[in-house]
Amino acid sequence: MSKPFLSFVIFLFICSPVMAAEIDYAFDYSKSVLKIYEQKIINCRAKQKQNTSLTEEEKLRLKDIAYNPDVLPYLAERAFNGCVLPEKADYMESLLILGQLNQSANNIKVTNYLKQQQAVSFTYDNLAIIRSYQALPAELRQTFESIESLKRPFNGIMILETIWPPEL
């Protein structure tokens, strides 16, 4: 987050009540950060499609491990989140600040925007996958986490078919 914006927000917290111009500025800022975050999502999804290969050494290390249906989804999500993290952090921070400012302003347009964004941004869909992955032995998790190709957004289906092809 930029220093001028942060200074502006601190000023707003000191000066109460929040005026309409300030909440509008914070609202516009949040929407602009959302656009940047959405573009980063598109770029990282494109990287997922491009990253379909493992080194021979990585393939050998993975082939020795039994297939677990929760491993690749967890690693794929983690790699994707690593790709979008700076933009996602700015976006989430803008939502938190906007929410704080809106407590005083109680702007219905901002309230609806925050509810909508929170509904799509904060989900618990992958909690079971996280729990399953964390239940794996530490040595196995270390093996997966040491594979460089799985630290960047990757095509999980291609990796799955390469390492653990379906039996016919």
Protein backbone atom coordinates (compact mmCIF):
# COMPACT_ATOMS: atom_id res chain seq x y z
CA MET A 1 0.00 0.00 0.00
CA SER A 2 1.32 3.45 -0.86
CA LYS A 3 2.51 5.77 1.91
CA PRO A 4 0.27 8.67 0.82
CA PHE A 5 -2.80 6.44 1.00
CA LEU A 6 -1.78 5.02 4.38
CA SER A 7 -1.19 8.54 5.73
CA PHE A 8 -4.59 9.52 4.41
CA VAL A 9 -6.24 6.58 6.18
CA ILE A 10 -4.51 7.39 9.47
CA PHE A 11 -5.74 10.96 9.13
CA LEU A 12 -9.28 9.66 8.62
CA PHE A 13 -9.14 7.57 11.77
CA ILE A 14 -8.08 10.63 13.76
CA CYS A 15 -10.73 12.89 12.22
CA SER A 16 -14.23 11.61 12.91
CA PRO A 17 -16.87 11.43 11.53
CA VAL A 18 -15.84 10.23 8.10
CA MET A 19 -16.92 12.57 5.34
CA ALA A 20 -18.48 11.33 2.11
CA ALA A 21 -15.47 12.35 0.02
CA GLU A 22 -13.11 10.19 2.08
CA ILE A 23 -15.29 7.09 1.95
CA ASP A 24 -15.70 7.62 -1.79
CA TYR A 25 -11.93 7.84 -2.21
CA ALA A 26 -11.38 4.65 -0.20
CA PHE A 27 -14.17 2.92 -2.15
CA ASP A 28 -12.64 3.92 -5.50
CA TYR A 29 -9.21 2.82 -4.28
CA SER A 30 -10.57 -0.59 -3.26
CA LYS A 31 -12.19 -1.06 -6.67
CA SER A 32 -8.96 -0.09 -8.45
CA VAL A 33 -6.93 -2.52 -6.33
CA LEU A 34 -9.53 -5.21 -7.10
CA LYS A 35 -8.98 -4.67 -10.84
CA ILE A 36 -5.22 -5.09 -10.39
CA TYR A 37 -5.79 -8.25 -8.34
CA GLU A 38 -8.18 -9.67 -10.97
CA GLN A 39 -5.58 -9.06 -13.70
CA LYS A 40 -2.96 -10.82 -11.60
CA ILE A 41 -5.33 -13.79 -11.23
CA ILE A 42 -5.61 -13.98 -15.02
CA ASN A 43 -1.82 -13.85 -15.40
CA CYS A 44 -1.26 -16.55 -12.78
CA ARG A 45 -3.93 -18.81 -14.35
CA ALA A 46 -2.07 -18.45 -17.65
CA LYS A 47 1.13 -19.52 -15.89
CA GLN A 48 -0.70 -22.58 -14.56
CA LYS A 49 -1.49 -23.69 -18.09
CA GLN A 50 2.10 -23.16 -19.21
CA ASN A 51 3.81 -24.99 -16.33
CA THR A 52 3.13 -28.61 -17.25
CA SER A 53 6.51 -30.25 -16.90
CA LEU A 54 8.75 -31.56 -14.18
CA THR A 55 12.45 -32.23 -14.36
CA GLU A 56 13.47 -35.88 -14.64
CA GLU A 57 14.81 -35.77 -11.10
CA GLU A 58 11.49 -34.36 -9.82
CA LYS A 59 9.56 -37.07 -11.67
CA LEU A 60 11.68 -39.79 -10.08
CA ARG A 61 11.18 -38.35 -6.59
CA LEU A 62 7.42 -38.11 -7.05
CA LYS A 63 6.93 -41.54 -8.64
CA ASP A 64 8.15 -43.15 -5.41
CA ILE A 65 5.26 -41.56 -3.51
CA ALA A 66 1.80 -43.14 -3.39
CA TYR A 67 -0.98 -41.06 -4.94
CA ASN A 68 -3.00 -38.92 -2.51
CA PRO A 69 -5.95 -36.99 -4.01
CA ASP A 70 -5.47 -33.96 -1.76
CA VAL A 71 -1.78 -33.30 -2.40
CA LEU A 72 -1.86 -31.71 -5.86
CA PRO A 73 -4.91 -29.51 -5.16
CA TYR A 74 -3.24 -28.22 -2.00
CA LEU A 75 0.10 -27.58 -3.70
CA ALA A 76 -1.61 -26.02 -6.74
CA GLU A 77 -3.60 -23.65 -4.54
CA ARG A 78 -0.53 -22.76 -2.52
CA ALA A 79 1.54 -22.07 -5.65
CA PHE A 80 -1.28 -19.99 -7.12
CA ASN A 81 -1.66 -18.00 -3.89
CA GLY A 82 2.07 -17.35 -3.89
CA CYS A 83 1.73 -15.91 -7.38
CA VAL A 84 -1.09 -13.49 -6.48
CA LEU A 85 -0.03 -12.71 -2.91
CA PRO A 86 1.14 -9.07 -3.19
CA GLU A 87 -1.95 -8.00 -5.12
CA LYS A 88 -4.26 -10.08 -2.93
CA ALA A 89 -2.76 -8.53 0.21
CA ASP A 90 -3.34 -5.00 -1.13
CA TYR A 91 -6.92 -5.91 -2.05
CA MET A 92 -7.67 -7.50 1.33
CA GLU A 93 -6.12 -4.55 3.12
CA SER A 94 -8.31 -2.17 1.11
CA LEU A 95 -11.41 -4.16 2.15
CA LEU A 96 -10.43 -4.00 5.82
CA ILE A 97 -9.77 -0.26 5.67
CA LEU A 98 -12.97 0.39 3.75
CA GLY A 99 -14.91 -1.64 6.31
CA GLN A 100 -13.41 0.36 9.17
CA LEU A 101 -14.21 3.65 7.48
CA ASN A 102 -17.71 2.51 6.66
CA GLN A 103 -18.51 1.81 10.32
CA SER A 104 -18.82 5.56 10.79
CA ALA A 105 -20.17 6.46 7.35
CA ASN A 106 -22.62 3.55 7.05
CA ASN A 107 -22.78 4.02 3.27
CA ILE A 108 -25.23 1.45 1.85
CA LYS A 109 -23.37 1.21 -1.48
CA VAL A 110 -20.11 0.48 0.34
CA THR A 111 -21.84 -1.97 2.70
CA ASN A 112 -23.24 -3.93 -0.23
CA TYR A 113 -19.86 -3.93 -1.99
CA LEU A 114 -18.13 -5.21 1.14
CA LYS A 115 -20.69 -7.99 1.62
CA GLN A 116 -20.31 -9.04 -2.01
CA GLN A 117 -16.52 -9.00 -1.93
CA GLN A 118 -16.33 -10.85 1.37
CA ALA A 119 -18.68 -13.55 0.07
CA VAL A 120 -16.40 -14.30 -2.89
CA SER A 121 -13.06 -13.60 -1.21
CA PHE A 122 -13.36 -15.50 2.06
CA THR A 123 -14.29 -19.13 1.55
CA TYR A 124 -13.59 -22.31 3.47
CA ASP A 125 -13.81 -24.65 0.47
CA ASN A 126 -10.27 -25.95 0.73
CA LEU A 127 -10.14 -26.41 4.50
CA ALA A 128 -10.53 -30.22 4.19
CA ILE A 129 -7.70 -30.34 1.65
CA ILE A 130 -5.46 -28.28 3.93
CA ARG A 131 -6.27 -30.53 6.87
CA SER A 132 -5.55 -33.66 4.82
CA TYR A 133 -2.25 -32.29 3.53
CA GLN A 134 -1.15 -31.21 7.01
CA ALA A 135 -1.92 -34.74 8.26
CA LEU A 136 0.74 -36.18 5.93
CA PRO A 137 4.06 -37.14 7.53
CA ALA A 138 6.47 -34.21 7.77
CA GLU A 139 9.07 -35.95 5.58
CA LEU A 140 6.51 -36.41 2.80
CA ARG A 141 5.43 -32.77 2.98
CA GLN A 142 9.10 -31.73 2.84
CA THR A 143 9.57 -33.83 -0.30
CA PHE A 144 6.63 -32.16 -2.03
CA GLU A 145 7.68 -28.71 -0.87
CA SER A 146 11.23 -29.19 -2.13
CA ILE A 147 10.10 -29.63 -5.74
CA GLU A 148 10.65 -26.30 -7.49
CA SER A 149 8.14 -26.98 -10.29
CA LEU A 150 5.38 -27.25 -7.68
CA LYS A 151 6.21 -23.85 -6.16
CA ARG A 152 5.08 -21.98 -9.29
CA PRO A 153 1.51 -22.13 -10.61
CA PHE A 154 1.21 -25.46 -12.40
CA ASN A 155 -1.21 -27.60 -14.39
CA GLY A 156 -2.21 -30.23 -11.85
CA ILE A 157 -3.92 -32.49 -14.36
CA MET A 158 -0.83 -32.73 -16.52
CA ILE A 159 1.33 -33.42 -13.47
CA LEU A 160 -1.15 -36.03 -12.25
CA GLU A 161 -1.21 -37.81 -15.61
CA THR A 162 2.59 -37.74 -15.79
CA ILE A 163 3.29 -39.07 -12.29
CA TRP A 164 0.21 -41.07 -11.38
CA PRO A 165 -1.51 -41.97 -14.67
CA PRO A 166 -4.92 -43.59 -14.35
CA GLU A 167 -4.82 -47.34 -14.61
CA LEU A 168 -6.74 -48.67 -17.59
